[in-house]
Amino acid sequence: MLERLILCLIAVRVAQVTARDCGNPGEILNGYYMADATTLGSKTTFYCDQGYRLVGSDYRLCTADGWDGQVPTCEIVECSRPVTPAHAYVERGFGHKYKYQQEVVFRCNEGFEMIGASVIKCSENNIFVPSPPICRLPVNCGDPEEILNGYYEANHNLGSKVIYHCNEGYKLIGNDSRLCTATGWSGEVPTCKTEFPPINILKEMIAVVCQVVIKEENMIKAKYQLLESEREILKLKENLLKKMEQYVDENNL
């Protein structure tokens, strides 16, 4: 009789355990959970929203006594104060601890130029992104090399461009521009080579040919006029001889 009673109690207990439903595993502020089921043996996994980190176990198991453990918490991500670059200062965002997405704005001291981003943000990885900028004295590449039979237009500061041009009658060979980089002017100086034939020489040749043609025309005109004059002189001579002969005949000379 006692054995039957024990077996009955065990059967009831097993039935209770088998039908166990742990219910809601617990809400998490600034986060959420995912659970396939809430019955005995099931697992609930907890997650935090972007910009928050999980404190505690990220899961709970449904046991015969209910959900084990405690609901974890989600704390906002914090970043330590970034190092201020040399020759720079913090314009906005003073503090020692910074929460997720908080900004720090840097400015360079007068006379220095900034390389990189002036605004950095506290990221979900507990670090500021991008990295703090660098402040340094401006790079001056100085005068670029001269170009024979040409000229250039340039600004000497970092990132500026020099543009090369050739004089009239010359053709540029190579790249027509160079950049001022941290290590100086990029590339090589192009060259200016004579065009064939050069435009200026061609113009001079055309002008000379025109002058020759005009002079030849004038000479032809002058020769024609001289020929006409010679004909007129010849006619005058003939008329003069006729008159002299007539005069001699009439006067019996």
Protein backbone atom coordinates (compact mmCIF):
# COMPACT_ATOMS: atom_id res chain seq x y z
CA MET A 1 0.00 0.00 0.00
CA LEU A 2 2.81 2.40 0.91
CA GLU A 3 4.64 1.62 -2.30
CA ARG A 4 1.55 2.45 -4.36
CA LEU A 5 1.18 5.75 -2.54
CA ILE A 6 4.80 6.65 -3.21
CA LEU A 7 4.44 5.77 -6.89
CA CYS A 8 1.32 7.92 -7.13
CA LEU A 9 3.09 10.90 -5.57
CA ILE A 10 6.02 10.46 -7.94
CA ALA A 11 3.66 10.29 -10.92
CA VAL A 12 1.89 13.48 -9.82
CA ARG A 13 5.23 15.25 -9.33
CA VAL A 14 6.46 14.15 -12.77
CA ALA A 15 3.22 15.37 -14.33
CA GLN A 16 3.60 18.72 -12.57
CA VAL A 17 7.23 19.06 -13.67
CA THR A 18 6.46 18.02 -17.24
CA ALA A 19 3.71 20.60 -17.54
CA ARG A 20 5.82 23.34 -15.93
CA ASP A 21 5.61 26.77 -17.68
CA CYS A 22 7.99 29.40 -16.33
CA GLY A 23 6.09 32.31 -17.89
CA ASN A 24 7.69 35.68 -18.61
CA PRO A 25 11.48 35.48 -18.08
CA GLY A 26 11.60 39.15 -17.04
CA GLU A 27 11.79 42.46 -18.93
CA ILE A 28 15.16 44.14 -19.53
CA LEU A 29 15.42 47.94 -19.81
CA ASN A 30 17.24 49.16 -22.95
CA GLY A 31 17.29 45.60 -24.24
CA TYR A 32 15.19 42.60 -25.24
CA TYR A 33 15.07 38.82 -24.97
CA MET A 34 14.47 35.92 -27.33
CA ALA A 35 12.91 32.61 -26.23
CA ASP A 36 11.61 29.69 -28.30
CA ALA A 37 9.45 28.54 -25.40
CA THR A 38 8.87 29.06 -21.67
CA THR A 39 8.43 25.43 -20.71
CA LEU A 40 10.72 23.30 -18.61
CA GLY A 41 14.26 23.11 -20.08
CA SER A 42 13.82 26.02 -22.49
CA LYS A 43 16.32 28.87 -22.66
CA THR A 44 15.84 32.63 -22.91
CA THR A 45 18.68 34.78 -24.26
CA PHE A 46 18.99 38.48 -23.41
CA TYR A 47 20.40 41.24 -25.63
CA CYS A 48 21.08 44.96 -25.19
CA ASP A 49 20.21 47.78 -27.60
CA GLN A 50 23.02 49.39 -29.57
CA GLY A 51 25.16 51.55 -27.32
CA TYR A 52 24.49 49.43 -24.22
CA ARG A 53 26.43 46.55 -22.69
CA LEU A 54 25.04 43.52 -20.85
CA VAL A 55 25.80 43.13 -17.15
CA GLY A 56 25.16 39.64 -15.79
CA SER A 57 24.41 36.34 -17.52
CA ASP A 58 22.97 36.66 -20.98
CA TYR A 59 20.54 33.73 -20.56
CA ARG A 60 18.12 32.05 -18.09
CA LEU A 61 16.87 28.42 -18.00
CA CYS A 62 13.37 27.29 -17.16
CA THR A 63 13.68 24.82 -14.27
CA ALA A 64 11.22 22.99 -12.08
CA ASP A 65 11.50 25.89 -9.64
CA GLY A 66 11.04 28.58 -12.35
CA TRP A 67 13.57 30.73 -14.20
CA ASP A 68 17.04 30.38 -12.75
CA GLY A 69 19.35 33.28 -11.98
CA GLN A 70 18.48 36.97 -12.32
CA VAL A 71 17.44 39.19 -15.20
CA PRO A 72 20.62 40.95 -16.46
CA THR A 73 20.81 44.71 -16.94
CA CYS A 74 21.87 46.91 -19.87
CA GLU A 75 24.18 49.76 -19.01
CA ILE A 76 25.00 52.51 -21.47
CA VAL A 77 28.48 52.26 -23.01
CA GLU A 78 31.03 54.74 -21.69
CA CYS A 79 34.38 55.88 -23.09
CA SER A 80 37.32 57.27 -21.18
CA ARG A 81 38.51 60.77 -21.92
CA PRO A 82 40.49 60.83 -25.20
CA VAL A 83 44.04 62.16 -25.26
CA THR A 84 44.21 65.74 -26.58
CA PRO A 85 46.63 65.86 -29.52
CA ALA A 86 49.76 67.98 -29.32
CA HIS A 87 49.25 71.61 -30.46
CA ALA A 88 45.46 71.20 -30.07
CA TYR A 89 42.66 71.91 -27.59
CA VAL A 90 39.12 70.65 -26.88
CA GLU A 91 36.58 73.10 -28.25
CA ARG A 92 33.47 71.15 -27.16
CA GLY A 93 32.92 68.03 -25.04
CA PHE A 94 34.87 68.51 -21.81
CA GLY A 95 34.68 65.65 -19.28
CA HIS A 96 36.26 62.50 -17.90
CA LYS A 97 33.60 59.96 -18.90
CA TYR A 98 31.57 60.02 -22.10
CA LYS A 99 28.44 58.08 -22.91
CA TYR A 100 27.64 56.38 -26.20
CA GLN A 101 27.47 58.83 -29.17
CA GLN A 102 28.76 61.77 -27.14
CA GLU A 103 31.16 63.95 -29.14
CA VAL A 104 34.46 65.64 -28.54
CA VAL A 105 35.48 68.47 -30.90
CA PHE A 106 39.15 69.38 -31.32
CA ARG A 107 40.75 72.50 -32.77
CA CYS A 108 44.40 73.10 -33.66
CA ASN A 109 46.36 75.96 -32.16
CA GLU A 110 46.92 79.00 -34.36
CA GLY A 111 49.49 78.37 -37.07
CA PHE A 112 48.91 74.59 -37.14
CA GLU A 113 46.86 72.59 -39.62
CA MET A 114 44.65 69.60 -38.80
CA ILE A 115 45.16 66.17 -40.33
CA GLY A 116 42.13 63.94 -39.69
CA ALA A 117 38.63 64.51 -38.28
CA SER A 118 37.95 67.31 -35.82
CA VAL A 119 34.87 65.52 -34.36
CA ILE A 120 35.13 62.08 -32.70
CA LYS A 121 32.34 60.03 -31.04
CA CYS A 122 32.14 57.47 -28.25
CA SER A 123 31.41 54.15 -30.01
CA GLU A 124 29.73 50.95 -28.84
CA ASN A 125 33.20 49.41 -28.47
CA ASN A 126 34.09 51.80 -25.61
CA ILE A 127 36.51 53.78 -27.76
CA PHE A 128 36.31 57.04 -29.67
CA VAL A 129 36.09 56.85 -33.46
CA PRO A 130 37.74 57.95 -35.56
CA SER A 131 41.07 58.47 -33.86
CA PRO A 132 41.90 61.99 -32.64
CA PRO A 133 43.42 64.22 -35.34
CA ILE A 134 47.01 65.41 -35.65
CA CYS A 135 47.99 69.09 -35.55
CA ARG A 136 51.19 70.06 -37.33
CA LEU A 137 52.82 73.00 -38.99
CA PRO A 138 51.63 73.52 -42.58
CA VAL A 139 53.71 71.85 -45.27
CA ASN A 140 55.19 74.24 -47.81
CA CYS A 141 56.63 72.56 -50.89
CA GLY A 142 58.38 75.72 -52.05
CA ASP A 143 58.74 76.72 -55.68
CA PRO A 144 58.33 73.84 -58.16
CA GLU A 145 60.99 73.36 -60.80
CA GLU A 146 60.96 75.69 -63.79
CA ILE A 147 59.86 74.41 -67.19
CA LEU A 148 61.93 75.40 -70.23
CA ASN A 149 59.90 77.20 -72.91
CA GLY A 150 56.91 77.31 -70.56
CA TYR A 151 55.56 78.56 -67.24
CA TYR A 152 53.50 77.36 -64.25
CA GLU A 153 50.74 78.49 -61.87
CA ALA A 154 51.08 77.25 -58.28
CA ASN A 155 50.20 77.54 -54.59
CA HIS A 156 52.88 76.07 -52.30
CA ASN A 157 50.75 74.69 -49.43
CA LEU A 158 49.96 71.02 -48.74
CA GLY A 159 47.37 69.61 -51.12
CA SER A 160 47.72 72.42 -53.65
CA LYS A 161 48.37 71.82 -57.34
CA VAL A 162 50.84 73.31 -59.80
CA ILE A 163 49.69 73.58 -63.42
CA TYR A 164 52.26 73.76 -66.24
CA HIS A 165 51.77 75.51 -69.59
CA CYS A 166 53.94 75.74 -72.72
CA ASN A 167 54.68 78.89 -74.68
CA GLU A 168 53.10 79.34 -78.09
CA GLY A 169 54.63 77.01 -80.64
CA TYR A 170 55.50 74.34 -78.05
CA LYS A 171 53.71 71.16 -77.03
CA LEU A 172 53.62 69.84 -73.43
CA ILE A 173 55.03 66.33 -72.95
CA GLY A 174 54.12 64.60 -69.65
CA ASN A 175 51.63 65.34 -66.88
CA ASP A 176 50.53 68.98 -66.82
CA SER A 177 50.09 69.05 -63.00
CA ARG A 178 51.86 68.11 -59.74
CA LEU A 179 50.57 67.95 -56.13
CA CYS A 180 52.18 69.33 -52.99
CA THR A 181 52.42 66.32 -50.63
CA ALA A 182 53.94 65.79 -47.21
CA THR A 183 57.15 64.70 -48.94
CA GLY A 184 57.24 67.51 -51.52
CA TRP A 185 56.02 67.94 -55.09
CA SER A 186 54.73 64.74 -56.67
CA GLY A 187 55.75 63.42 -60.08
CA GLU A 188 58.22 65.03 -62.46
CA VAL A 189 58.41 68.30 -64.35
CA PRO A 190 56.97 67.93 -67.88
CA THR A 191 58.81 69.27 -70.93
CA CYS A 192 57.87 71.66 -73.72
CA LYS A 193 58.95 70.50 -77.18
CA THR A 194 58.80 72.40 -80.45
CA GLU A 195 55.81 71.63 -82.62
CA PHE A 196 56.52 70.72 -86.28
CA PRO A 197 56.35 73.21 -87.77
CA PRO A 198 56.05 75.70 -84.90
CA ILE A 199 52.96 77.85 -85.18
CA ASN A 200 54.87 81.11 -84.77
CA ILE A 201 57.40 80.13 -87.46
CA LEU A 202 54.59 79.01 -89.75
CA LYS A 203 52.92 82.38 -89.32
CA GLU A 204 56.20 84.14 -90.15
CA MET A 205 56.65 81.96 -93.25
CA ILE A 206 53.13 82.78 -94.46
CA ALA A 207 53.76 86.48 -93.91
CA VAL A 208 57.03 86.34 -95.90
CA VAL A 209 55.34 84.45 -98.75
CA CYS A 210 52.62 87.10 -98.87
CA GLN A 211 55.23 89.84 -99.02
CA VAL A 212 57.07 88.05 -101.86
CA VAL A 213 53.84 87.62 -103.83
CA ILE A 214 52.97 91.30 -103.38
CA LYS A 215 56.47 92.40 -104.43
CA GLU A 216 56.35 90.16 -107.49
CA GLU A 217 52.99 91.61 -108.46
CA ASN A 218 54.38 95.12 -108.04
CA MET A 219 57.42 94.20 -110.13
CA ILE A 220 55.22 92.79 -112.88
CA LYS A 221 53.13 95.94 -112.83
CA ALA A 222 56.27 98.07 -112.90
CA LYS A 223 57.65 96.05 -115.85
CA TYR A 224 54.36 96.43 -117.71
CA GLN A 225 54.34 100.17 -117.07
CA LEU A 226 57.99 100.39 -118.24
CA LEU A 227 57.14 98.50 -121.41
CA GLU A 228 54.24 100.84 -122.10
CA SER A 229 56.54 103.81 -121.55
CA GLU A 230 59.10 102.38 -123.97
CA ARG A 231 56.39 101.90 -126.59
CA GLU A 232 55.24 105.49 -126.17
CA ILE A 233 58.84 106.72 -126.47
CA LEU A 234 59.29 104.63 -129.61
CA LYS A 235 56.15 106.12 -131.13
CA LEU A 236 57.36 109.61 -130.30
CA LYS A 237 60.69 108.92 -131.98
CA GLU A 238 58.95 107.59 -135.11
CA ASN A 239 56.71 110.67 -135.29
CA LEU A 240 59.72 112.93 -134.79
CA LEU A 241 61.62 111.25 -137.63
CA LYS A 242 58.64 111.55 -139.98
CA LYS A 243 58.30 115.23 -139.26
CA MET A 244 62.03 115.80 -139.80
CA GLU A 245 61.90 114.00 -143.14
CA GLN A 246 58.90 116.05 -144.15
CA TYR A 247 60.61 119.27 -143.19
CA VAL A 248 63.71 118.33 -145.25
CA ASP A 249 61.62 117.49 -148.30
CA GLU A 250 59.55 120.62 -148.10
CA ASN A 251 62.60 122.87 -147.79
CA ASN A 252 64.78 121.07 -150.35
CA LEU A 253 67.48 120.62 -147.88
